[in-house]
């Protein structure tokens, strides 16, 4: 049965309103995934066939779609309100994701709400540590075996994180068993975020919502190779779940 939803988050970031605006309009690959920037006008086109319904840089951006392209959702709206703090040195952001889920409402809402927290945290990490460096993006997902109820626990073990808590400096185990230094900038039962000197590496426990585990790599190194990152981490994830 169709039912409306609304996810609201308010937070402050160590960035100016102009830097936040640039991130949400032109640098989505640095914290979310790459998307075409919205046309700079009300009525303009935006990503995935949506339409700009509010455009006031660097204070307000709203995009809406009535044809989402998913069988479980029939409308989708993203609204950003940005206000200066500390004389414009920092910014306050109000983010509202709303629309209509048409099926499996509780599961869809739970997944969207929890993903929102992780994506917005990643936005803050990008703004604080990497902006305005250009990004090379890669994403991948595990095989069917990664949908098992305990699949995300296996990811944590494979990374060698043991009981490391959020905020800890860790030596993580990556592709081909190589160890690398990182900050465990996010950790809960659903997501893991690692921040290195040049990248944000994100692990998604989507098995909790009936989907495969996923990884995204936001690489800010000047010589970053997205295809190489994808191949390396795909091999790592296949190894976690014993796939050839």
Foldseek 3Di string as FASTA:
>chain_A
DKDKDKAKDKDKAQAFLQLLQCCVFPNVCQQHNDWHGFDQDAQTATGQGWGWHDHDPSAKTKTKDQPNPDPQFRIWMWIWGWDADPVRSMIMIMIMIMGMTRPPVVLVVVVVNVVVVRSVLSVRVCRVQPPPFHWDKAKDFADLLQLDPCNVVLVCVQQVCVPPDAQDWDFGQFFPRHTDIWHQNDDDSAKTWTHDNFWIKIWGSCSVSRDTIMIMIIGRDPPDDRVVVRVRRRVSRCVSSVHD
